[in-house]
PDB file of N, CA and C in Angstrom:
ATOM      1  N   MET A   1      66.984  27.238  78.318  1.00  0.00           N
ATOM      2  CA  MET A   1      68.136  27.197  77.461  1.00  0.00           C
ATOM      3  C   MET A   1      67.692  27.423  76.021  1.00  0.00           C
ATOM      4  N   MET A   2      68.424  28.360  75.315  1.00  0.00           N
ATOM      5  CA  MET A   2      68.062  28.671  73.935  1.00  0.00           C
ATOM      6  C   MET A   2      68.635  27.613  73.010  1.00  0.00           C
ATOM      7  N   GLY A   3      67.892  27.335  71.983  1.00  0.00           N
ATOM      8  CA  GLY A   3      68.349  26.342  71.019  1.00  0.00           C
ATOM      9  C   GLY A   3      69.281  26.945  69.992  1.00  0.00           C
ATOM     10  N   GLN A   4      69.887  26.077  69.220  1.00  0.00           N
ATOM     11  CA  GLN A   4      70.813  26.505  68.169  1.00  0.00           C
ATOM     12  C   GLN A   4      70.105  27.388  67.132  1.00  0.00           C
ATOM     13  N   GLY A   5      68.850  27.124  66.848  1.00  0.00           N
ATOM     14  CA  GLY A   5      68.090  27.884  65.860  1.00  0.00           C
ATOM     15  C   GLY A   5      67.925  29.333  66.267  1.00  0.00           C
ATOM     16  N   CYS A   6      67.655  29.587  67.565  1.00  0.00           N
ATOM     17  CA  CYS A   6      67.479  30.958  68.056  1.00  0.00           C
ATOM     18  C   CYS A   6      68.783  31.738  67.952  1.00  0.00           C
ATOM     19  N   LEU A   7      69.894  31.114  68.306  1.00  0.00           N
ATOM     20  CA  LEU A   7      71.188  31.795  68.221  1.00  0.00           C
ATOM     21  C   LEU A   7      71.532  32.138  66.773  1.00  0.00           C
ATOM     22  N   ARG A   8      71.274  31.182  65.876  1.00  0.00           N
ATOM     23  CA  ARG A   8      71.575  31.407  64.471  1.00  0.00           C
ATOM     24  C   ARG A   8      70.735  32.555  63.927  1.00  0.00           C
ATOM     25  N   GLN A   9      69.457  32.618  64.296  1.00  0.00           N
ATOM     26  CA  GLN A   9      68.587  33.692  63.832  1.00  0.00           C
ATOM     27  C   GLN A   9      69.045  35.040  64.377  1.00  0.00           C
ATOM     28  N   GLY A  10      69.486  35.077  65.621  1.00  0.00           N
ATOM     29  CA  GLY A  10      69.973  36.329  66.213  1.00  0.00           C
ATOM     30  C   GLY A  10      71.177  36.868  65.459  1.00  0.00           C
ATOM     31  N   TRP A  11      72.111  35.996  65.118  1.00  0.00           N
ATOM     32  CA  TRP A  11      73.298  36.419  64.365  1.00  0.00           C
ATOM     33  C   TRP A  11      72.932  36.851  62.951  1.00  0.00           C
ATOM     34  N   GLN A  12      71.943  36.196  62.365  1.00  0.00           N
ATOM     35  CA  GLN A  12      71.525  36.577  61.016  1.00  0.00           C
ATOM     36  C   GLN A  12      70.904  37.975  61.012  1.00  0.00           C
ATOM     37  N   VAL A  13      70.147  38.306  62.055  1.00  0.00           N
ATOM     38  CA  VAL A  13      69.546  39.636  62.161  1.00  0.00           C
ATOM     39  C   VAL A  13      70.631  40.693  62.299  1.00  0.00           C
ATOM     40  N   VAL A  14      71.612  40.442  63.176  1.00  0.00           N
ATOM     41  CA  VAL A  14      72.709  41.389  63.380  1.00  0.00           C
ATOM     42  C   VAL A  14      73.506  41.552  62.089  1.00  0.00           C
ATOM     43  N   ALA A  15      73.795  40.443  61.413  1.00  0.00           N
ATOM     44  CA  ALA A  15      74.563  40.499  60.167  1.00  0.00           C
ATOM     45  C   ALA A  15      73.792  41.256  59.094  1.00  0.00           C
ATOM     46  N   SER A  16      72.491  41.050  59.000  1.00  0.00           N
ATOM     47  CA  SER A  16      71.717  41.743  57.978  1.00  0.00           C
ATOM     48  C   SER A  16      71.618  43.240  58.296  1.00  0.00           C
ATOM     49  N   GLN A  17      71.526  43.615  59.580  1.00  0.00           N
ATOM     50  CA  GLN A  17      71.504  45.031  59.947  1.00  0.00           C
ATOM     51  C   GLN A  17      72.826  45.699  59.585  1.00  0.00           C
ATOM     52  N   ARG A  18      73.928  45.022  59.839  1.00  0.00           N
ATOM     53  CA  ARG A  18      75.239  45.574  59.478  1.00  0.00           C
ATOM     54  C   ARG A  18      75.369  45.714  57.970  1.00  0.00           C
ATOM     55  N   LEU A  19      74.888  44.732  57.245  1.00  0.00           N
ATOM     56  CA  LEU A  19      74.949  44.785  55.787  1.00  0.00           C
ATOM     57  C   LEU A  19      74.164  45.979  55.263  1.00  0.00           C
ATOM     58  N   VAL A  20      72.983  46.223  55.802  1.00  0.00           N
ATOM     59  CA  VAL A  20      72.167  47.364  55.389  1.00  0.00           C
ATOM     60  C   VAL A  20      72.895  48.663  55.702  1.00  0.00           C
ATOM     61  N   CYS A  21      73.522  48.771  56.858  1.00  0.00           N
ATOM     62  CA  CYS A  21      74.271  49.983  57.217  1.00  0.00           C
ATOM     63  C   CYS A  21      75.437  50.212  56.259  1.00  0.00           C
ATOM     64  N   TRP A  22      76.188  49.160  55.955  1.00  0.00           N
ATOM     65  CA  TRP A  22      77.329  49.292  55.037  1.00  0.00           C
ATOM     66  C   TRP A  22      76.864  49.674  53.633  1.00  0.00           C
ATOM     67  N   LEU A  23      75.796  49.073  53.165  1.00  0.00           N
ATOM     68  CA  LEU A  23      75.280  49.417  51.843  1.00  0.00           C
ATOM     69  C   LEU A  23      74.791  50.865  51.799  1.00  0.00           C
ATOM     70  N   GLY A  24      74.180  51.317  52.875  1.00  0.00           N
ATOM     71  CA  GLY A  24      73.753  52.717  52.952  1.00  0.00           C
ATOM     72  C   GLY A  24      74.936  53.661  52.915  1.00  0.00           C
ATOM     73  N   LEU A  25      75.972  53.344  53.675  1.00  0.00           N
ATOM     74  CA  LEU A  25      77.169  54.186  53.692  1.00  0.00           C
ATOM     75  C   LEU A  25      77.833  54.206  52.318  1.00  0.00           C
ATOM     76  N   LEU A  26      77.961  53.064  51.678  1.00  0.00           N
ATOM     77  CA  LEU A  26      78.573  53.000  50.351  1.00  0.00           C
ATOM     78  C   LEU A  26      77.769  53.777  49.313  1.00  0.00           C
ATOM     79  N   SER A  27      76.455  53.750  49.422  1.00  0.00           N
ATOM     80  CA  SER A  27      75.641  54.498  48.463  1.00  0.00           C
ATOM     81  C   SER A  27      75.813  56.001  48.659  1.00  0.00           C
ATOM     82  N   VAL A  28      75.924  56.454  49.900  1.00  0.00           N
ATOM     83  CA  VAL A  28      76.167  57.876  50.159  1.00  0.00           C
ATOM     84  C   VAL A  28      77.528  58.278  49.614  1.00  0.00           C
ATOM     85  N   LEU A  29      78.556  57.465  49.834  1.00  0.00           N
ATOM     86  CA  LEU A  29      79.890  57.768  49.331  1.00  0.00           C
ATOM     87  C   LEU A  29      79.920  57.782  47.806  1.00  0.00           C
ATOM     88  N   ALA A  30      79.150  56.915  47.170  1.00  0.00           N
ATOM     89  CA  ALA A  30      79.110  56.871  45.712  1.00  0.00           C
ATOM     90  C   ALA A  30      78.396  58.092  45.136  1.00  0.00           C
ATOM     91  N   LEU A  31      77.446  58.644  45.862  1.00  0.00           N
ATOM     92  CA  LEU A  31      76.707  59.802  45.379  1.00  0.00           C
ATOM     93  C   LEU A  31      77.487  61.097  45.526  1.00  0.00           C
ATOM     94  N   PHE A  32      78.412  61.173  46.465  1.00  0.00           N
ATOM     95  CA  PHE A  32      79.146  62.403  46.734  1.00  0.00           C
ATOM     96  C   PHE A  32      80.660  62.193  46.670  1.00  0.00           C
ATOM     97  N   PRO A  33      81.218  61.757  45.545  1.00  0.00           N
ATOM     98  CA  PRO A  33      82.656  61.500  45.487  1.00  0.00           C
ATOM     99  C   PRO A  33      83.496  62.769  45.530  1.00  0.00           C
ATOM    100  N   VAL A  34      82.959  63.903  45.085  1.00  0.00           N
ATOM    101  CA  VAL A  34      83.729  65.145  45.074  1.00  0.00           C
ATOM    102  C   VAL A  34      84.066  65.578  46.498  1.00  0.00           C
ATOM    103  N   CYS A  35      83.170  65.340  47.419  1.00  0.00           N
ATOM    104  CA  CYS A  35      83.404  65.732  48.807  1.00  0.00           C
ATOM    105  C   CYS A  35      84.516  64.918  49.447  1.00  0.00           C
ATOM    106  N   LEU A  36      84.861  63.792  48.843  1.00  0.00           N
ATOM    107  CA  LEU A  36      85.842  62.904  49.437  1.00  0.00           C
ATOM    108  C   LEU A  36      87.256  63.139  48.920  1.00  0.00           C
ATOM    109  N   ALA A  37      87.435  64.075  48.006  1.00  0.00           N
ATOM    110  CA  ALA A  37      88.770  64.316  47.443  1.00  0.00           C
ATOM    111  C   ALA A  37      89.718  64.753  48.548  1.00  0.00           C
ATOM    112  N   ALA A  38      90.860  64.112  48.596  1.00  0.00           N
ATOM    113  CA  ALA A  38      91.824  64.410  49.652  1.00  0.00           C
ATOM    114  C   ALA A  38      92.756  65.536  49.265  1.00  0.00           C
ATOM    115  N   HIS A  39      92.837  65.850  47.989  1.00  0.00           N
ATOM    116  CA  HIS A  39      93.778  66.863  47.529  1.00  0.00           C
ATOM    117  C   HIS A  39      93.046  67.901  46.696  1.00  0.00           C
ATOM    118  N   THR A  40      93.563  69.122  46.751  1.00  0.00           N
ATOM    119  CA  THR A  40      93.012  70.177  45.923  1.00  0.00           C
ATOM    120  C   THR A  40      93.550  70.019  44.507  1.00  0.00           C
ATOM    121  N   THR A  41      92.839  70.588  43.547  1.00  0.00           N
ATOM    122  CA  THR A  41      93.224  70.479  42.149  1.00  0.00           C
ATOM    123  C   THR A  41      93.455  71.869  41.576  1.00  0.00           C
ATOM    124  N   LEU A  42      94.501  72.006  40.807  1.00  0.00           N
ATOM    125  CA  LEU A  42      94.790  73.258  40.126  1.00  0.00           C
ATOM    126  C   LEU A  42      93.810  73.421  38.974  1.00  0.00           C
ATOM    127  N   LEU A  43      93.063  74.530  38.978  1.00  0.00           N
ATOM    128  CA  LEU A  43      92.079  74.774  37.935  1.00  0.00           C
ATOM    129  C   LEU A  43      92.648  75.584  36.781  1.00  0.00           C
ATOM    130  N   GLN A  44      93.386  76.653  37.107  1.00  0.00           N
ATOM    131  CA  GLN A  44      93.822  77.592  36.081  1.00  0.00           C
ATOM    132  C   GLN A  44      95.048  78.343  36.567  1.00  0.00           C
ATOM    133  N   THR A  45      95.869  78.784  35.619  1.00  0.00           N
ATOM    134  CA  THR A  45      97.003  79.650  35.944  1.00  0.00           C
ATOM    135  C   THR A  45      96.987  80.836  34.995  1.00  0.00           C
ATOM    136  N   LEU A  46      97.602  81.924  35.435  1.00  0.00           N
ATOM    137  CA  LEU A  46      97.762  83.104  34.595  1.00  0.00           C
ATOM    138  C   LEU A  46      99.192  83.566  34.726  1.00  0.00           C
ATOM    139  N   PRO A  47     100.008  83.535  33.711  1.00  0.00           N
ATOM    140  CA  PRO A  47      99.775  83.066  32.353  1.00  0.00           C
ATOM    141  C   PRO A  47      99.379  81.597  32.335  1.00  0.00           C
ATOM    142  N   ALA A  48      98.749  81.204  31.254  1.00  0.00           N
ATOM    143  CA  ALA A  48      98.254  79.832  31.123  1.00  0.00           C
ATOM    144  C   ALA A  48      99.405  78.841  31.151  1.00  0.00           C
ATOM    145  N   ALA A  49      99.135  77.645  31.638  1.00  0.00           N
ATOM    146  CA  ALA A  49     100.151  76.597  31.684  1.00  0.00           C
ATOM    147  C   ALA A  49     100.667  76.329  30.280  1.00  0.00           C
ATOM    148  N   GLY A  50     101.980  76.313  30.135  1.00  0.00           N
ATOM    149  CA  GLY A  50     102.599  76.056  28.842  1.00  0.00           C
ATOM    150  C   GLY A  50     102.699  77.276  27.949  1.00  0.00           C
ATOM    151  N   ALA A  51     102.230  78.430  28.411  1.00  0.00           N
ATOM    152  CA  ALA A  51     102.282  79.643  27.591  1.00  0.00           C
ATOM    153  C   ALA A  51     103.721  80.143  27.467  1.00  0.00           C
ATOM    154  N   VAL A  52     104.027  80.713  26.315  1.00  0.00           N
ATOM    155  CA  VAL A  52     105.331  81.345  26.087  1.00  0.00           C
ATOM    156  C   VAL A  52     105.081  82.841  26.054  1.00  0.00           C
ATOM    157  N   VAL A  53     105.742  83.575  26.932  1.00  0.00           N
ATOM    158  CA  VAL A  53     105.553  85.024  27.015  1.00  0.00           C
ATOM    159  C   VAL A  53     106.848  85.725  26.634  1.00  0.00           C
ATOM    160  N   ALA A  54     106.714  86.874  25.983  1.00  0.00           N
ATOM    161  CA  ALA A  54     107.887  87.625  25.527  1.00  0.00           C
ATOM    162  C   ALA A  54     108.607  88.292  26.691  1.00  0.00           C
ATOM    163  N   GLN A  55     107.840  88.791  27.642  1.00  0.00           N
ATOM    164  CA  GLN A  55     108.401  89.469  28.815  1.00  0.00           C
ATOM    165  C   GLN A  55     107.973  88.724  30.074  1.00  0.00           C
ATOM    166  N   PRO A  56     108.817  88.707  31.090  1.00  0.00           N
ATOM    167  CA  PRO A  56     108.393  88.055  32.341  1.00  0.00           C
ATOM    168  C   PRO A  56     107.152  88.743  32.911  1.00  0.00           C
ATOM    169  N   PRO A  57     106.169  87.975  33.355  1.00  0.00           N
ATOM    170  CA  PRO A  57     104.971  88.596  33.935  1.00  0.00           C
ATOM    171  C   PRO A  57     105.291  89.219  35.294  1.00  0.00           C
ATOM    172  N   ARG A  58     104.551  90.240  35.666  1.00  0.00           N
ATOM    173  CA  ARG A  58     104.739  90.881  36.978  1.00  0.00           C
ATOM    174  C   ARG A  58     104.300  89.952  38.100  1.00  0.00           C
ATOM    175  N   ALA A  59     103.334  89.089  37.797  1.00  0.00           N
ATOM    176  CA  ALA A  59     102.816  88.150  38.799  1.00  0.00           C
ATOM    177  C   ALA A  59     102.354  86.881  38.083  1.00  0.00           C
ATOM    178  N   VAL A  60     102.343  85.815  38.818  1.00  0.00           N
ATOM    179  CA  VAL A  60     101.792  84.552  38.335  1.00  0.00           C
ATOM    180  C   VAL A  60     100.668  84.197  39.294  1.00  0.00           C
ATOM    181  N   GLN A  61      99.490  83.888  38.746  1.00  0.00           N
ATOM    182  CA  GLN A  61      98.332  83.587  39.589  1.00  0.00           C
ATOM    183  C   GLN A  61      97.911  82.139  39.392  1.00  0.00           C
ATOM    184  N   PHE A  62      97.394  81.548  40.497  1.00  0.00           N
ATOM    185  CA  PHE A  62      96.945  80.168  40.499  1.00  0.00           C
ATOM    186  C   PHE A  62      95.550  80.107  41.095  1.00  0.00           C
ATOM    187  N   TRP A  63      94.670  79.299  40.513  1.00  0.00           N
ATOM    188  CA  TRP A  63      93.340  79.060  41.058  1.00  0.00           C
ATOM    189  C   TRP A  63      93.203  77.570  41.333  1.00  0.00           C
ATOM    190  N   PHE A  64      92.742  77.250  42.547  1.00  0.00           N
ATOM    191  CA  PHE A  64      92.575  75.865  42.981  1.00  0.00           C
ATOM    192  C   PHE A  64      91.114  75.590  43.307  1.00  0.00           C
ATOM    193  N   THR A  65      90.777  74.312  43.407  1.00  0.00           N
ATOM    194  CA  THR A  65      89.398  73.930  43.720  1.00  0.00           C
ATOM    195  C   THR A  65      89.019  74.255  45.156  1.00  0.00           C
ATOM    196  N   GLU A  66      90.010  74.418  46.025  1.00  0.00           N
ATOM    197  CA  GLU A  66      89.762  74.758  47.431  1.00  0.00           C
ATOM    198  C   GLU A  66      91.022  75.403  47.988  1.00  0.00           C
ATOM    199  N   PRO A  67      90.933  76.034  49.155  1.00  0.00           N
ATOM    200  CA  PRO A  67      92.139  76.654  49.730  1.00  0.00           C
ATOM    201  C   PRO A  67      93.246  75.616  49.932  1.00  0.00           C
ATOM    202  N   ILE A  68      94.475  76.053  49.705  1.00  0.00           N
ATOM    203  CA  ILE A  68      95.602  75.145  49.898  1.00  0.00           C
ATOM    204  C   ILE A  68      96.185  75.326  51.292  1.00  0.00           C
ATOM    205  N   GLU A  69      96.818  74.301  51.789  1.00  0.00           N
ATOM    206  CA  GLU A  69      97.497  74.347  53.084  1.00  0.00           C
ATOM    207  C   GLU A  69      98.890  74.903  52.814  1.00  0.00           C
ATOM    208  N   GLN A  70      99.096  76.174  53.143  1.00  0.00           N
ATOM    209  CA  GLN A  70     100.329  76.853  52.770  1.00  0.00           C
ATOM    210  C   GLN A  70     101.569  76.234  53.405  1.00  0.00           C
ATOM    211  N   THR A  71     101.437  75.703  54.598  1.00  0.00           N
ATOM    212  CA  THR A  71     102.607  75.113  55.251  1.00  0.00           C
ATOM    213  C   THR A  71     103.009  73.782  54.620  1.00  0.00           C
ATOM    214  N   LEU A  72     102.089  73.149  53.897  1.00  0.00           N
ATOM    215  CA  LEU A  72     102.363  71.857  53.280  1.00  0.00           C
ATOM    216  C   LEU A  72     102.502  71.951  51.760  1.00  0.00           C
ATOM    217  N   SER A  73     102.460  73.183  51.215  1.00  0.00           N
ATOM    218  CA  SER A  73     102.463  73.360  49.765  1.00  0.00           C
ATOM    219  C   SER A  73     103.672  74.175  49.325  1.00  0.00           C
ATOM    220  N   ARG A  74     104.046  73.962  48.062  1.00  0.00           N
ATOM    221  CA  ARG A  74     105.157  74.718  47.503  1.00  0.00           C
ATOM    222  C   ARG A  74     104.882  74.936  46.017  1.00  0.00           C
ATOM    223  N   ILE A  75     105.039  76.170  45.580  1.00  0.00           N
ATOM    224  CA  ILE A  75     104.917  76.507  44.167  1.00  0.00           C
ATOM    225  C   ILE A  75     106.215  77.173  43.759  1.00  0.00           C
ATOM    226  N   GLU A  76     106.803  76.673  42.691  1.00  0.00           N
ATOM    227  CA  GLU A  76     108.041  77.256  42.181  1.00  0.00           C
ATOM    228  C   GLU A  76     107.840  77.608  40.704  1.00  0.00           C
ATOM    229  N   VAL A  77     108.359  78.765  40.312  1.00  0.00           N
ATOM    230  CA  VAL A  77     108.264  79.225  38.935  1.00  0.00           C
ATOM    231  C   VAL A  77     109.681  79.305  38.388  1.00  0.00           C
ATOM    232  N   PHE A  78     109.886  78.731  37.195  1.00  0.00           N
ATOM    233  CA  PHE A  78     111.209  78.700  36.582  1.00  0.00           C
ATOM    234  C   PHE A  78     111.183  79.353  35.207  1.00  0.00           C
ATOM    235  N   ARG A  79     112.263  79.997  34.903  1.00  0.00           N
ATOM    236  CA  ARG A  79     112.508  80.430  33.536  1.00  0.00           C
ATOM    237  C   ARG A  79     112.923  79.169  32.782  1.00  0.00           C
ATOM    238  N   VAL A  80     112.466  78.993  31.562  1.00  0.00           N
ATOM    239  CA  VAL A  80     112.806  77.788  30.806  1.00  0.00           C
ATOM    240  C   VAL A  80     113.508  78.160  29.508  1.00  0.00           C
ATOM    241  N   ALA A  81     114.223  77.194  28.969  1.00  0.00           N
ATOM    242  CA  ALA A  81     114.894  77.371  27.686  1.00  0.00           C
ATOM    243  C   ALA A  81     114.515  76.214  26.779  1.00  0.00           C
ATOM    244  N   LEU A  82     114.387  76.508  25.520  1.00  0.00           N
ATOM    245  CA  LEU A  82     114.066  75.493  24.530  1.00  0.00           C
ATOM    246  C   LEU A  82     115.363  75.031  23.881  1.00  0.00           C
ATOM    247  N   ASP A  83     115.645  73.758  23.974  1.00  0.00           N
ATOM    248  CA  ASP A  83     116.843  73.191  23.364  1.00  0.00           C
ATOM    249  C   ASP A  83     116.616  73.129  21.849  1.00  0.00           C
ATOM    250  N   PRO A  84     117.430  73.878  21.057  1.00  0.00           N
ATOM    251  CA  PRO A  84     117.180  73.932  19.615  1.00  0.00           C
ATOM    252  C   PRO A  84     117.410  72.609  18.897  1.00  0.00           C
ATOM    253  N   THR A  85     118.227  71.734  19.453  1.00  0.00           N
ATOM    254  CA  THR A  85     118.511  70.470  18.769  1.00  0.00           C
ATOM    255  C   THR A  85     117.432  69.419  19.007  1.00  0.00           C
ATOM    256  N   THR A  86     116.928  69.340  20.234  1.00  0.00           N
ATOM    257  CA  THR A  86     115.944  68.305  20.565  1.00  0.00           C
ATOM    258  C   THR A  86     114.519  68.838  20.687  1.00  0.00           C
ATOM    259  N   GLY A  87     114.377  70.148  20.909  1.00  0.00           N
ATOM    260  CA  GLY A  87     113.053  70.728  21.111  1.00  0.00           C
ATOM    261  C   GLY A  87     112.540  70.549  22.527  1.00  0.00           C
ATOM    262  N   ASP A  88     113.390  70.001  23.414  1.00  0.00           N
ATOM    263  CA  ASP A  88     112.995  69.802  24.813  1.00  0.00           C
ATOM    264  C   ASP A  88     112.999  71.125  25.560  1.00  0.00           C
ATOM    265  N   VAL A  89     112.088  71.243  26.504  1.00  0.00           N
ATOM    266  CA  VAL A  89     112.050  72.403  27.385  1.00  0.00           C
ATOM    267  C   VAL A  89     112.821  72.058  28.643  1.00  0.00           C
ATOM    268  N   LYS A  90     113.798  72.892  28.977  1.00  0.00           N
ATOM    269  CA  LYS A  90     114.639  72.637  30.146  1.00  0.00           C
ATOM    270  C   LYS A  90     114.493  73.791  31.140  1.00  0.00           C
ATOM    271  N   PRO A  91     114.232  73.450  32.401  1.00  0.00           N
ATOM    272  CA  PRO A  91     114.156  74.520  33.406  1.00  0.00           C
ATOM    273  C   PRO A  91     115.523  75.135  33.636  1.00  0.00           C
ATOM    274  N   GLU A  92     115.527  76.458  33.804  1.00  0.00           N
ATOM    275  CA  GLU A  92     116.758  77.159  34.089  1.00  0.00           C
ATOM    276  C   GLU A  92     116.690  77.786  35.468  1.00  0.00           C
ATOM    277  N   GLN A  93     116.654  79.088  35.499  1.00  0.00           N
ATOM    278  CA  GLN A  93     116.700  79.850  36.742  1.00  0.00           C
ATOM    279  C   GLN A  93     115.332  79.905  37.413  1.00  0.00           C
ATOM    280  N   ARG A  94     115.315  79.702  38.736  1.00  0.00           N
ATOM    281  CA  ARG A  94     114.070  79.849  39.490  1.00  0.00           C
ATOM    282  C   ARG A  94     113.765  81.335  39.663  1.00  0.00           C
ATOM    283  N   ILE A  95     112.514  81.689  39.499  1.00  0.00           N
ATOM    284  CA  ILE A  95     112.087  83.081  39.633  1.00  0.00           C
ATOM    285  C   ILE A  95     111.312  83.220  40.929  1.00  0.00           C
ATOM    286  N   ASP A  96     111.734  84.131  41.784  1.00  0.00           N
ATOM    287  CA  ASP A  96     111.052  84.362  43.057  1.00  0.00           C
ATOM    288  C   ASP A  96     110.012  85.452  42.913  1.00  0.00           C
TER     289      ASP A  96
END
């Protein structure tokens, strides 16, 4: 029959092994946070975001950090108007 001391030591070994595994996993996750991003990020647009253009562009281009899931994504482009009294930008007509 095993004594209480042997059982306690066995659990301490298992607990310390698990702790080492968790600390190893956390250190790997801390070193590579970019790989863990769940969403893509918009890097650049052409015309630039917030740009005012005299004529409508023939195309609008977007650059992302990774490919986007087209079935789960939506991009809409709107013509905007500047309210002369408040200076607010208000979306008007959607441009396809």
